[in-house]
C-alpha atoms as a PDB file:
ATOM      1  CA  MET A   1       2.275  -1.416 -10.410  1.00  0.00           C
ATOM      2  CA  GLY A   2       0.801   1.930 -11.191  1.00  0.00           C
ATOM      3  CA  GLY A   3      -2.131   1.344 -13.552  1.00  0.00           C
ATOM      4  CA  GLY A   4      -0.613   3.472 -16.296  1.00  0.00           C
ATOM      5  CA  GLY A   5      -1.434   6.756 -14.606  1.00  0.00           C
ATOM      6  CA  PRO A   6       0.647   9.279 -12.657  1.00  0.00           C
ATOM      7  CA  PRO A   7       4.145   8.405 -11.388  1.00  0.00           C
ATOM      8  CA  PRO A   8       4.145   6.169  -8.279  1.00  0.00           C
ATOM      9  CA  PRO A   9       4.360   7.864  -4.875  1.00  0.00           C
ATOM     10  CA  HIS A  10       7.566   7.823  -2.858  1.00  0.00           C
ATOM     11  CA  PHE A  11       5.581   6.453   0.068  1.00  0.00           C
ATOM     12  CA  GLU A  12       2.613   4.164   0.395  1.00  0.00           C
ATOM     13  CA  ALA A  13      -0.603   6.128  -0.075  1.00  0.00           C
ATOM     14  CA  SER A  14      -3.099   4.032   1.861  1.00  0.00           C
ATOM     15  CA  ALA A  15      -6.846   4.342   1.480  1.00  0.00           C
ATOM     16  CA  ASP A  16      -9.480   3.190   3.944  1.00  0.00           C
ATOM     17  CA  GLU A  17     -11.756   0.395   2.833  1.00  0.00           C
ATOM     18  CA  VAL A  18     -15.270  -0.309   4.001  1.00  0.00           C
ATOM     19  CA  ALA A  19     -16.622  -3.664   5.118  1.00  0.00           C
ATOM     20  CA  ARG A  20     -18.324  -5.302   2.189  1.00  0.00           C
ATOM     21  CA  GLY A  21     -19.272  -8.718   0.876  1.00  0.00           C
ATOM     22  CA  ILE A  22     -16.771 -10.638  -1.208  1.00  0.00           C
ATOM     23  CA  VAL A  23     -17.918 -11.592  -4.703  1.00  0.00           C
ATOM     24  CA  PHE A  24     -16.484 -14.942  -5.741  1.00  0.00           C
ATOM     25  CA  LEU A  25     -15.679 -16.723  -8.996  1.00  0.00           C
ATOM     26  CA  GLY A  26     -18.459 -16.604 -11.560  1.00  0.00           C
ATOM     27  CA  CYS A  27     -20.644 -14.125  -9.724  1.00  0.00           C
ATOM     28  CA  PRO A  28     -21.653 -10.892 -11.485  1.00  0.00           C
ATOM     29  CA  PHE A  29     -20.662  -7.486 -10.196  1.00  0.00           C
ATOM     30  CA  VAL A  30     -23.785  -5.436 -10.444  1.00  0.00           C
ATOM     31  CA  CYS A  31     -24.274  -2.376 -12.607  1.00  0.00           C
ATOM     32  CA  PRO A  32     -28.107  -2.136 -12.425  1.00  0.00           C
ATOM     33  CA  SER A  33     -29.865  -1.155 -15.645  1.00  0.00           C
ATOM     34  CA  VAL A  34     -31.946   1.462 -13.849  1.00  0.00           C
ATOM     35  CA  ILE A  35     -28.864   3.471 -12.868  1.00  0.00           C
ATOM     36  CA  ILE A  36     -26.098   2.287 -15.179  1.00  0.00           C
ATOM     37  CA  PHE A  37     -25.941   5.521 -17.163  1.00  0.00           C
ATOM     38  CA  VAL A  38     -26.385   7.671 -14.057  1.00  0.00           C
ATOM     39  CA  ALA A  39     -24.268   6.100 -11.331  1.00  0.00           C
ATOM     40  CA  PHE A  40     -21.569   4.380 -13.392  1.00  0.00           C
ATOM     41  CA  GLN A  41     -20.760   6.211 -16.580  1.00  0.00           C
ATOM     42  CA  GLU A  42     -17.078   5.265 -16.415  1.00  0.00           C
ATOM     43  CA  LEU A  43     -16.794   1.729 -15.026  1.00  0.00           C
ATOM     44  CA  ASP A  44     -13.223   0.426 -15.178  1.00  0.00           C
ATOM     45  CA  TRP A  45     -11.223  -2.764 -14.573  1.00  0.00           C
ATOM     46  CA  GLU A  46      -8.136  -3.367 -12.406  1.00  0.00           C
ATOM     47  CA  VAL A  47      -6.590  -6.783 -11.909  1.00  0.00           C
ATOM     48  CA  GLU A  48      -4.631  -6.975  -8.654  1.00  0.00           C
ATOM     49  CA  LEU A  49      -2.807  -9.438  -6.451  1.00  0.00           C
ATOM     50  CA  ALA A  50      -4.651  -9.620  -3.136  1.00  0.00           C
ATOM     51  CA  PHE A  51      -3.406 -11.078   0.114  1.00  0.00           C
ATOM     52  CA  VAL A  52      -5.259 -11.927   3.303  1.00  0.00           C
ATOM     53  CA  ILE A  53      -4.004 -11.461   6.840  1.00  0.00           C
ATOM     54  CA  GLY A  54      -3.962 -14.636   8.916  1.00  0.00           C
ATOM     55  CA  LYS A  55      -2.423 -13.466  12.189  1.00  0.00           C
ATOM     56  CA  LYS A  56      -3.150 -10.383  14.290  1.00  0.00           C
ATOM     57  CA  GLY A  57      -0.366  -7.849  14.543  1.00  0.00           C
ATOM     58  CA  LYS A  58       0.705  -4.247  15.094  1.00  0.00           C
ATOM     59  CA  HIS A  59       4.061  -2.572  14.349  1.00  0.00           C
ATOM     60  CA  ILE A  60       5.126  -5.579  12.308  1.00  0.00           C
ATOM     61  CA  GLN A  61       8.682  -5.619  11.000  1.00  0.00           C
ATOM     62  CA  GLU A  62       9.179  -6.335   7.300  1.00  0.00           C
ATOM     63  CA  ASP A  63      11.274  -9.426   7.987  1.00  0.00           C
ATOM     64  CA  ARG A  64       8.376 -10.885  10.004  1.00  0.00           C
ATOM     65  CA  ALA A  65       5.560  -9.691   7.766  1.00  0.00           C
ATOM     66  CA  MET A  66       4.967 -12.954   5.898  1.00  0.00           C
ATOM     67  CA  GLU A  67       4.244 -14.654   9.222  1.00  0.00           C
ATOM     68  CA  HIS A  68       1.029 -12.613   9.258  1.00  0.00           C
ATOM     69  CA  VAL A  69      -0.108 -13.470   5.722  1.00  0.00           C
ATOM     70  CA  ALA A  70      -2.529 -16.382   5.307  1.00  0.00           C
ATOM     71  CA  GLY A  71      -2.450 -16.475   1.531  1.00  0.00           C
ATOM     72  CA  PHE A  72      -2.996 -14.824  -1.836  1.00  0.00           C
ATOM     73  CA  ALA A  73      -5.887 -14.436  -4.286  1.00  0.00           C
ATOM     74  CA  VAL A  74      -6.838 -12.722  -7.533  1.00  0.00           C
ATOM     75  CA  SER A  75      -8.792  -9.483  -7.177  1.00  0.00           C
ATOM     76  CA  HIS A  76     -10.736  -7.353  -9.624  1.00  0.00           C
ATOM     77  CA  ASP A  77     -10.718  -3.865  -8.117  1.00  0.00           C
ATOM     78  CA  VAL A  78     -13.731  -2.575 -10.062  1.00  0.00           C
ATOM     79  CA  SER A  79     -13.603   1.231 -10.165  1.00  0.00           C
ATOM     80  CA  ALA A  80     -16.260   3.805 -11.048  1.00  0.00           C
ATOM     81  CA  ARG A  81     -13.912   6.472 -12.405  1.00  0.00           C
ATOM     82  CA  ASP A  82     -16.559   9.188 -12.677  1.00  0.00           C
ATOM     83  CA  TRP A  83     -17.252   8.876  -8.935  1.00  0.00           C
ATOM     84  CA  GLN A  84     -13.533   8.631  -8.265  1.00  0.00           C
ATOM     85  CA  MET A  85     -12.301  11.548 -10.336  1.00  0.00           C
ATOM     86  CA  LYS A  86     -15.212  13.878 -11.046  1.00  0.00           C
ATOM     87  CA  ARG A  87     -18.068  13.529  -8.561  1.00  0.00           C
ATOM     88  CA  ASN A  88     -18.424  13.923  -4.801  1.00  0.00           C
ATOM     89  CA  GLY A  89     -15.351  16.088  -4.378  1.00  0.00           C
ATOM     90  CA  ARG A  90     -13.154  13.509  -6.128  1.00  0.00           C
ATOM     91  CA  GLN A  91     -13.022  11.284  -3.055  1.00  0.00           C
ATOM     92  CA  TRP A  92     -11.013   8.297  -4.306  1.00  0.00           C
ATOM     93  CA  LEU A  93     -12.570   5.705  -2.003  1.00  0.00           C
ATOM     94  CA  LEU A  94     -16.213   6.082  -3.016  1.00  0.00           C
ATOM     95  CA  GLY A  95     -15.614   4.956  -6.599  1.00  0.00           C
ATOM     96  CA  LYS A  96     -14.367   1.572  -5.362  1.00  0.00           C
ATOM     97  CA  THR A  97     -16.971   0.707  -2.740  1.00  0.00           C
ATOM     98  CA  PHE A  98     -20.284   0.076  -4.511  1.00  0.00           C
ATOM     99  CA  ASP A  99     -22.073  -3.207  -3.812  1.00  0.00           C
ATOM    100  CA  SER A 100     -20.531  -6.201  -5.623  1.00  0.00           C
ATOM    101  CA  PHE A 101     -17.290  -4.384  -6.509  1.00  0.00           C
ATOM    102  CA  CYS A 102     -13.989  -6.148  -5.727  1.00  0.00           C
ATOM    103  CA  PRO A 103     -14.522  -9.789  -6.721  1.00  0.00           C
ATOM    104  CA  LEU A 104     -11.913 -12.100  -5.145  1.00  0.00           C
ATOM    105  CA  GLY A 105     -10.950 -15.683  -5.872  1.00  0.00           C
ATOM    106  CA  PRO A 106     -10.862 -18.319  -7.159  1.00  0.00           C
ATOM    107  CA  ALA A 107      -9.301 -19.562  -3.907  1.00  0.00           C
ATOM    108  CA  LEU A 108      -6.962 -18.468  -1.151  1.00  0.00           C
ATOM    109  CA  VAL A 109      -3.563 -19.920  -2.061  1.00  0.00           C
ATOM    110  CA  THR A 110      -1.167 -20.263   0.862  1.00  0.00           C
ATOM    111  CA  LYS A 111       2.399 -19.019   0.735  1.00  0.00           C
ATOM    112  CA  ILE A 112       3.816 -22.519   0.366  1.00  0.00           C
ATOM    113  CA  GLY A 113       1.584 -23.007  -2.679  1.00  0.00           C
ATOM    114  CA  LEU A 114       3.384 -20.264  -4.607  1.00  0.00           C
ATOM    115  CA  SER A 115       6.913 -20.267  -5.964  1.00  0.00           C
ATOM    116  CA  ASP A 116       7.213 -16.508  -5.342  1.00  0.00           C
ATOM    117  CA  PRO A 117       4.212 -14.151  -5.012  1.00  0.00           C
ATOM    118  CA  HIS A 118       6.326 -11.345  -6.448  1.00  0.00           C
ATOM    119  CA  LYS A 119       7.220 -13.158  -9.673  1.00  0.00           C
ATOM    120  CA  LEU A 120       3.857 -14.146 -11.120  1.00  0.00           C
ATOM    121  CA  GLY A 121       2.320 -13.286 -14.465  1.00  0.00           C
ATOM    122  CA  ILE A 122      -0.809 -11.164 -14.096  1.00  0.00           C
ATOM    123  CA  CYS A 123      -3.379 -10.213 -16.741  1.00  0.00           C
ATOM    124  CA  CYS A 124      -6.875  -8.890 -17.347  1.00  0.00           C
ATOM    125  CA  ARG A 125      -9.067  -9.630 -20.375  1.00  0.00           C
ATOM    126  CA  VAL A 126     -12.284  -7.861 -21.346  1.00  0.00           C
ATOM    127  CA  ASN A 127     -14.470  -9.871 -23.715  1.00  0.00           C
ATOM    128  CA  GLY A 128     -11.421 -11.982 -24.519  1.00  0.00           C
ATOM    129  CA  GLN A 129      -9.137  -9.049 -25.356  1.00  0.00           C
ATOM    130  CA  VAL A 130      -6.006  -8.623 -23.234  1.00  0.00           C
ATOM    131  CA  MET A 131      -6.143  -5.220 -21.543  1.00  0.00           C
ATOM    132  CA  GLN A 132      -3.490  -5.660 -18.838  1.00  0.00           C
ATOM    133  CA  GLU A 133      -0.485  -7.985 -18.873  1.00  0.00           C
ATOM    134  CA  SER A 134       2.474  -7.743 -16.544  1.00  0.00           C
ATOM    135  CA  ASN A 135       4.255  -9.503 -13.689  1.00  0.00           C
ATOM    136  CA  THR A 136       3.937  -9.020  -9.942  1.00  0.00           C
ATOM    137  CA  GLU A 137       7.676  -8.310  -9.808  1.00  0.00           C
ATOM    138  CA  GLN A 138       6.695  -4.880 -11.167  1.00  0.00           C
ATOM    139  CA  MET A 139       4.730  -4.050  -7.997  1.00  0.00           C
ATOM    140  CA  VAL A 140       5.719  -0.672  -6.555  1.00  0.00           C
ATOM    141  CA  PHE A 141       5.252  -1.951  -2.991  1.00  0.00           C
ATOM    142  CA  LYS A 142       5.858  -5.582  -2.027  1.00  0.00           C
ATOM    143  CA  THR A 143       3.742  -7.554   0.438  1.00  0.00           C
ATOM    144  CA  GLU A 144       6.223  -7.252   3.301  1.00  0.00           C
ATOM    145  CA  PHE A 145       6.390  -3.479   3.028  1.00  0.00           C
ATOM    146  CA  LEU A 146       2.621  -3.096   2.885  1.00  0.00           C
ATOM    147  CA  VAL A 147       2.081  -5.217   5.983  1.00  0.00           C
ATOM    148  CA  SER A 148       4.744  -3.319   7.902  1.00  0.00           C
ATOM    149  CA  TRP A 149       3.607   0.130   6.757  1.00  0.00           C
ATOM    150  CA  VAL A 150      -0.112  -0.271   7.418  1.00  0.00           C
ATOM    151  CA  SER A 151       0.468  -1.989  10.773  1.00  0.00           C
ATOM    152  CA  ARG A 152       2.224   1.157  11.965  1.00  0.00           C
ATOM    153  CA  PHE A 153      -1.176   2.851  12.047  1.00  0.00           C
ATOM    154  CA  VAL A 154      -3.805   0.144  12.585  1.00  0.00           C
ATOM    155  CA  THR A 155      -3.905  -3.319  14.098  1.00  0.00           C
ATOM    156  CA  LEU A 156      -4.180  -6.013  11.450  1.00  0.00           C
ATOM    157  CA  TYR A 157      -6.662  -8.832  12.037  1.00  0.00           C
ATOM    158  CA  PRO A 158      -7.197 -12.228  10.401  1.00  0.00           C
ATOM    159  CA  GLY A 159      -9.401 -11.753   7.365  1.00  0.00           C
ATOM    160  CA  ASP A 160      -8.154  -8.260   6.492  1.00  0.00           C
ATOM    161  CA  VAL A 161      -7.604  -8.038   2.737  1.00  0.00           C
ATOM    162  CA  PHE A 162      -4.906  -6.007   0.994  1.00  0.00           C
ATOM    163  CA  LEU A 163      -4.895  -5.115  -2.703  1.00  0.00           C
ATOM    164  CA  THR A 164      -1.443  -4.388  -4.044  1.00  0.00           C
ATOM    165  CA  GLY A 165      -1.843  -2.218  -7.142  1.00  0.00           C
ATOM    166  CA  THR A 166      -2.669  -2.754 -10.797  1.00  0.00           C
ATOM    167  CA  PRO A 167      -0.523  -2.914 -13.961  1.00  0.00           C
ATOM    168  CA  PRO A 168      -0.766  -0.424 -16.849  1.00  0.00           C
ATOM    169  CA  GLY A 169      -3.714  -0.834 -19.177  1.00  0.00           C
ATOM    170  CA  VAL A 170      -6.747   0.335 -17.217  1.00  0.00           C
ATOM    171  CA  GLY A 171      -9.487   1.917 -19.299  1.00  0.00           C
ATOM    172  CA  VAL A 172      -9.395   5.446 -17.950  1.00  0.00           C
ATOM    173  CA  PHE A 173      -5.803   6.083 -19.094  1.00  0.00           C
ATOM    174  CA  ARG A 174      -6.262   4.683 -22.606  1.00  0.00           C
ATOM    175  CA  LYS A 175      -6.446   7.074 -25.518  1.00  0.00           C
ATOM    176  CA  PRO A 176      -9.319   7.358 -26.033  1.00  0.00           C
ATOM    177  CA  PRO A 177     -10.582   6.054 -22.674  1.00  0.00           C
ATOM    178  CA  VAL A 178     -12.443   2.726 -22.702  1.00  0.00           C
ATOM    179  CA  PHE A 179     -15.027   1.740 -20.084  1.00  0.00           C
ATOM    180  CA  LEU A 180     -17.052  -1.342 -19.245  1.00  0.00           C
ATOM    181  CA  LYS A 181     -20.686  -1.653 -20.270  1.00  0.00           C
ATOM    182  CA  ARG A 182     -23.534  -3.968 -19.399  1.00  0.00           C
ATOM    183  CA  GLY A 183     -22.916  -7.441 -20.851  1.00  0.00           C
ATOM    184  CA  ASP A 184     -19.110  -7.244 -20.781  1.00  0.00           C
ATOM    185  CA  THR A 185     -17.162 -10.164 -19.314  1.00  0.00           C
ATOM    186  CA  VAL A 186     -13.959  -9.525 -17.369  1.00  0.00           C
ATOM    187  CA  GLU A 187     -11.353 -12.202 -16.673  1.00  0.00           C
ATOM    188  CA  CYS A 188      -8.612 -11.526 -14.134  1.00  0.00           C
ATOM    189  CA  GLU A 189      -5.824 -14.096 -13.881  1.00  0.00           C
ATOM    190  CA  ILE A 190      -2.589 -14.579 -11.947  1.00  0.00           C
ATOM    191  CA  ASP A 191      -0.181 -17.466 -12.515  1.00  0.00           C
ATOM    192  CA  GLU A 192      -0.258 -20.217  -9.855  1.00  0.00           C
ATOM    193  CA  ILE A 193      -3.371 -18.691  -8.249  1.00  0.00           C
ATOM    194  CA  GLY A 194      -6.019 -18.953 -10.942  1.00  0.00           C
ATOM    195  CA  LYS A 195      -8.665 -16.923 -12.750  1.00  0.00           C
ATOM    196  CA  ILE A 196     -11.867 -15.153 -11.780  1.00  0.00           C
ATOM    197  CA  THR A 197     -14.522 -14.342 -14.369  1.00  0.00           C
ATOM    198  CA  ASN A 198     -17.250 -11.792 -13.739  1.00  0.00           C
ATOM    199  CA  LYS A 199     -19.938 -10.242 -15.937  1.00  0.00           C
ATOM    200  CA  VAL A 200     -21.313  -6.721 -15.823  1.00  0.00           C
ATOM    201  CA  VAL A 201     -25.115  -6.957 -15.398  1.00  0.00           C
END
């Protein structure tokens, strides 16, 4: 899934992530009032299928990749587009790594608990309005490929979290663009996994 932006890459463009706390179901992701109009002028939503590594591995073959996956969850990859695309030399990572970004939940669903992780309805609602609606079968890169590709470069450890891409409908690529504001409620939902609800505060 490509978020409705530029065409997908012909290879997996990986980005480093930083260690950060996981924000669970019902918890707010923080956009403090003292800096909301300074630090986050363009706060955006991205619903994504997340999966968690359960077994250490390096140079993992695609046909063995699922052996290293503990389970799947719903993720809201909150993105500060102004920091991503305009500030700080347009370094993509920074706009996704503020405290309380990336809520995950509502539970970790094991592989046997899903009919097929790549054939699940996925949607995002902002204040009750559907903003993203698709299916995980539209993912540009499937779980097996991601595990194999990333493990070529780094060792994967239990607890490592992968986010797999977002469907069209994010705010930054709407015409005109639409961004989150304080008081908004975002619901991210994936069939057979569940829903997480978070409020901008």
